[in-house]
Amino acid sequence: MNADDPTWSKLCSLAELKEDALHPMEIDGIPVLVVNGRDKRLVIPRSCPHMANSLAEGAFDGHVLTCTKHLWQWSIDEGGEPVGMAEAPLLCYETLESNGELFCRAATELKYEHEDDDA
């Protein structure tokens, strides 16, 4: 993987990211959420896989991301795998870190199929 490859888009400088924090951003017009954990960093869609609640408003302790609407949780260390009652993993964009910058490959927006957005 090479950051000079035109399929990669620069998302941000790694120095801009606070540790153990959620960072809503856009990449090529696509809304994404950078989850900057202690041991791993993921770039995911902003909405919860369960319902369309914003994960940018969730709780994050550096390892586990929690959606505050229905308390679904995911292990960031395990690449967005479900924890507890969560029934679906997080979709993740492909990322590359090079020269202190975070790049993302987001040719199309990753979306979840939500059963009911009103519940």
C-alpha atoms as a PDB file:
ATOM      1  CA  MET A   1       0.000   0.000   0.000  1.00  0.00           C
ATOM      2  CA  ASN A   2       1.247   3.409  -0.935  1.00  0.00           C
ATOM      3  CA  ALA A   3      -0.226   6.764   0.104  1.00  0.00           C
ATOM      4  CA  ASP A   4       0.677   8.146  -3.342  1.00  0.00           C
ATOM      5  CA  ASP A   5      -1.831   5.735  -4.909  1.00  0.00           C
ATOM      6  CA  PRO A   6      -4.793   7.884  -6.110  1.00  0.00           C
ATOM      7  CA  THR A   7      -7.297   5.465  -4.533  1.00  0.00           C
ATOM      8  CA  TRP A   8      -6.178   6.704  -1.092  1.00  0.00           C
ATOM      9  CA  SER A   9      -7.470  10.049   0.239  1.00  0.00           C
ATOM     10  CA  LYS A  10      -5.857  11.919   3.115  1.00  0.00           C
ATOM     11  CA  LEU A  11      -8.235  12.109   6.043  1.00  0.00           C
ATOM     12  CA  CYS A  12      -6.168  13.960   8.650  1.00  0.00           C
ATOM     13  CA  SER A  13      -2.876  14.285  10.450  1.00  0.00           C
ATOM     14  CA  LEU A  14      -2.454  11.731  13.243  1.00  0.00           C
ATOM     15  CA  ALA A  15      -1.397  14.596  15.531  1.00  0.00           C
ATOM     16  CA  GLU A  16      -4.926  16.065  15.180  1.00  0.00           C
ATOM     17  CA  LEU A  17      -6.508  13.021  16.809  1.00  0.00           C
ATOM     18  CA  LYS A  18      -7.089  13.027  20.556  1.00  0.00           C
ATOM     19  CA  GLU A  19      -6.506   9.624  22.134  1.00  0.00           C
ATOM     20  CA  ASP A  20      -9.549   7.645  23.281  1.00  0.00           C
ATOM     21  CA  ALA A  21     -11.823   9.971  21.307  1.00  0.00           C
ATOM     22  CA  LEU A  22     -14.367  10.013  18.499  1.00  0.00           C
ATOM     23  CA  HIS A  23     -13.698  12.319  15.559  1.00  0.00           C
ATOM     24  CA  PRO A  24     -16.495  12.955  13.018  1.00  0.00           C
ATOM     25  CA  MET A  25     -14.994  13.828   9.628  1.00  0.00           C
ATOM     26  CA  GLU A  26     -15.697  13.622   5.920  1.00  0.00           C
ATOM     27  CA  ILE A  27     -13.698  11.855   3.259  1.00  0.00           C
ATOM     28  CA  ASP A  28     -14.530  12.764  -0.334  1.00  0.00           C
ATOM     29  CA  GLY A  29     -17.989  13.950   0.809  1.00  0.00           C
ATOM     30  CA  ILE A  30     -18.678  10.759   2.790  1.00  0.00           C
ATOM     31  CA  PRO A  31     -19.386  11.241   6.518  1.00  0.00           C
ATOM     32  CA  VAL A  32     -17.131   9.008   8.613  1.00  0.00           C
ATOM     33  CA  LEU A  33     -16.159   8.586  12.246  1.00  0.00           C
ATOM     34  CA  VAL A  34     -12.530   8.123  13.229  1.00  0.00           C
ATOM     35  CA  VAL A  35     -12.388   6.075  16.429  1.00  0.00           C
ATOM     36  CA  ASN A  36      -8.970   6.716  17.941  1.00  0.00           C
ATOM     37  CA  GLY A  37      -8.407   4.028  20.541  1.00  0.00           C
ATOM     38  CA  ARG A  38      -5.448   3.217  22.733  1.00  0.00           C
ATOM     39  CA  ASP A  39      -4.371   0.206  20.700  1.00  0.00           C
ATOM     40  CA  LYS A  40      -6.206   0.577  17.397  1.00  0.00           C
ATOM     41  CA  ARG A  41      -7.732   3.199  15.122  1.00  0.00           C
ATOM     42  CA  LEU A  42     -10.819   2.566  12.943  1.00  0.00           C
ATOM     43  CA  VAL A  43     -12.668   4.635  10.365  1.00  0.00           C
ATOM     44  CA  ILE A  44     -16.350   3.662  10.331  1.00  0.00           C
ATOM     45  CA  PRO A  45     -19.739   4.970   9.168  1.00  0.00           C
ATOM     46  CA  ARG A  46     -21.203   7.498  11.606  1.00  0.00           C
ATOM     47  CA  SER A  47     -24.446   5.587  12.166  1.00  0.00           C
ATOM     48  CA  CYS A  48     -25.030   2.612  14.428  1.00  0.00           C
ATOM     49  CA  PRO A  49     -25.584  -0.753  12.662  1.00  0.00           C
ATOM     50  CA  HIS A  50     -28.659  -1.316  14.852  1.00  0.00           C
ATOM     51  CA  MET A  51     -30.481   1.903  14.033  1.00  0.00           C
ATOM     52  CA  ALA A  52     -29.459   5.207  12.512  1.00  0.00           C
ATOM     53  CA  ASN A  53     -28.342   6.784  15.787  1.00  0.00           C
ATOM     54  CA  SER A  54     -25.103   8.763  15.502  1.00  0.00           C
ATOM     55  CA  LEU A  55     -22.107   6.917  16.936  1.00  0.00           C
ATOM     56  CA  ALA A  56     -20.300  10.268  17.112  1.00  0.00           C
ATOM     57  CA  GLU A  57     -22.493  10.903  20.169  1.00  0.00           C
ATOM     58  CA  GLY A  58     -21.584   7.542  21.678  1.00  0.00           C
ATOM     59  CA  ALA A  59     -19.383   6.702  24.643  1.00  0.00           C
ATOM     60  CA  PHE A  60     -15.812   5.501  24.097  1.00  0.00           C
ATOM     61  CA  ASP A  61     -13.287   4.389  26.717  1.00  0.00           C
ATOM     62  CA  GLY A  62     -10.356   3.737  24.392  1.00  0.00           C
ATOM     63  CA  HIS A  63     -11.305   0.105  23.790  1.00  0.00           C
ATOM     64  CA  VAL A  64     -15.109  -0.235  23.603  1.00  0.00           C
ATOM     65  CA  LEU A  65     -17.490   2.006  21.640  1.00  0.00           C
ATOM     66  CA  THR A  66     -21.041   2.210  23.015  1.00  0.00           C
ATOM     67  CA  CYS A  67     -24.090   3.525  21.172  1.00  0.00           C
ATOM     68  CA  THR A  68     -26.017   5.496  23.784  1.00  0.00           C
ATOM     69  CA  LYS A  69     -29.434   4.837  22.200  1.00  0.00           C
ATOM     70  CA  HIS A  70     -29.706   1.083  22.852  1.00  0.00           C
ATOM     71  CA  LEU A  71     -26.318   0.346  24.457  1.00  0.00           C
ATOM     72  CA  TRP A  72     -24.912  -1.817  21.678  1.00  0.00           C
ATOM     73  CA  GLN A  73     -21.133  -2.081  22.049  1.00  0.00           C
ATOM     74  CA  TRP A  74     -18.140  -2.957  19.870  1.00  0.00           C
ATOM     75  CA  SER A  75     -14.509  -3.804  20.582  1.00  0.00           C
ATOM     76  CA  ILE A  76     -12.300  -1.382  18.685  1.00  0.00           C
ATOM     77  CA  ASP A  77      -9.266  -3.516  19.587  1.00  0.00           C
ATOM     78  CA  GLU A  78     -10.941  -6.445  17.775  1.00  0.00           C
ATOM     79  CA  GLY A  79     -11.719  -4.417  14.637  1.00  0.00           C
ATOM     80  CA  GLY A  80     -15.316  -3.504  15.490  1.00  0.00           C
ATOM     81  CA  GLU A  81     -16.530  -6.925  16.629  1.00  0.00           C
ATOM     82  CA  PRO A  82     -19.742  -6.944  18.723  1.00  0.00           C
ATOM     83  CA  VAL A  83     -19.575  -7.004  22.513  1.00  0.00           C
ATOM     84  CA  GLY A  84     -22.474  -7.937  24.803  1.00  0.00           C
ATOM     85  CA  MET A  85     -25.897  -7.581  23.180  1.00  0.00           C
ATOM     86  CA  ALA A  86     -24.713  -6.045  19.890  1.00  0.00           C
ATOM     87  CA  GLU A  87     -25.724  -8.313  17.033  1.00  0.00           C
ATOM     88  CA  ALA A  88     -23.703  -6.890  14.133  1.00  0.00           C
ATOM     89  CA  PRO A  89     -20.092  -5.842  13.650  1.00  0.00           C
ATOM     90  CA  LEU A  90     -19.076  -2.349  12.589  1.00  0.00           C
ATOM     91  CA  LEU A  91     -18.355  -1.755   8.926  1.00  0.00           C
ATOM     92  CA  CYS A  92     -14.815  -0.405   8.549  1.00  0.00           C
ATOM     93  CA  TYR A  93     -13.122   1.579   5.825  1.00  0.00           C
ATOM     94  CA  GLU A  94      -9.658   0.533   4.737  1.00  0.00           C
ATOM     95  CA  THR A  95      -7.023   2.812   6.248  1.00  0.00           C
ATOM     96  CA  LEU A  96      -3.328   3.511   5.851  1.00  0.00           C
ATOM     97  CA  GLU A  97      -1.012   5.462   8.127  1.00  0.00           C
ATOM     98  CA  SER A  98       1.985   7.051   6.434  1.00  0.00           C
ATOM     99  CA  ASN A  99       4.326   9.906   7.400  1.00  0.00           C
ATOM    100  CA  GLY A 100       2.167  10.893  10.371  1.00  0.00           C
ATOM    101  CA  GLU A 101      -1.030  11.079   8.310  1.00  0.00           C
ATOM    102  CA  LEU A 102      -4.157   8.945   8.122  1.00  0.00           C
ATOM    103  CA  PHE A 103      -5.401   7.923   4.686  1.00  0.00           C
ATOM    104  CA  CYS A 104      -8.675   6.217   3.848  1.00  0.00           C
ATOM    105  CA  ARG A 105     -10.043   4.339   0.868  1.00  0.00           C
ATOM    106  CA  ALA A 106     -13.707   5.309   0.553  1.00  0.00           C
ATOM    107  CA  ALA A 107     -14.790   4.844  -3.050  1.00  0.00           C
ATOM    108  CA  THR A 108     -18.367   4.291  -1.870  1.00  0.00           C
ATOM    109  CA  GLU A 109     -20.159   5.025   1.379  1.00  0.00           C
ATOM    110  CA  LEU A 110     -20.554   2.018   3.674  1.00  0.00           C
ATOM    111  CA  LYS A 111     -24.150   1.818   4.907  1.00  0.00           C
ATOM    112  CA  TYR A 112     -26.099  -0.422   7.256  1.00  0.00           C
ATOM    113  CA  GLU A 113     -29.574  -1.711   6.494  1.00  0.00           C
ATOM    114  CA  HIS A 114     -31.619  -0.389   9.422  1.00  0.00           C
ATOM    115  CA  GLU A 115     -34.859  -2.185  10.217  1.00  0.00           C
ATOM    116  CA  ASP A 116     -36.574   0.809  11.763  1.00  0.00           C
ATOM    117  CA  ASP A 117     -35.066   4.267  12.158  1.00  0.00           C
ATOM    118  CA  ASP A 118     -37.789   5.497  14.531  1.00  0.00           C
ATOM    119  CA  ALA A 119     -37.455   3.053  17.450  1.00  0.00           C
END
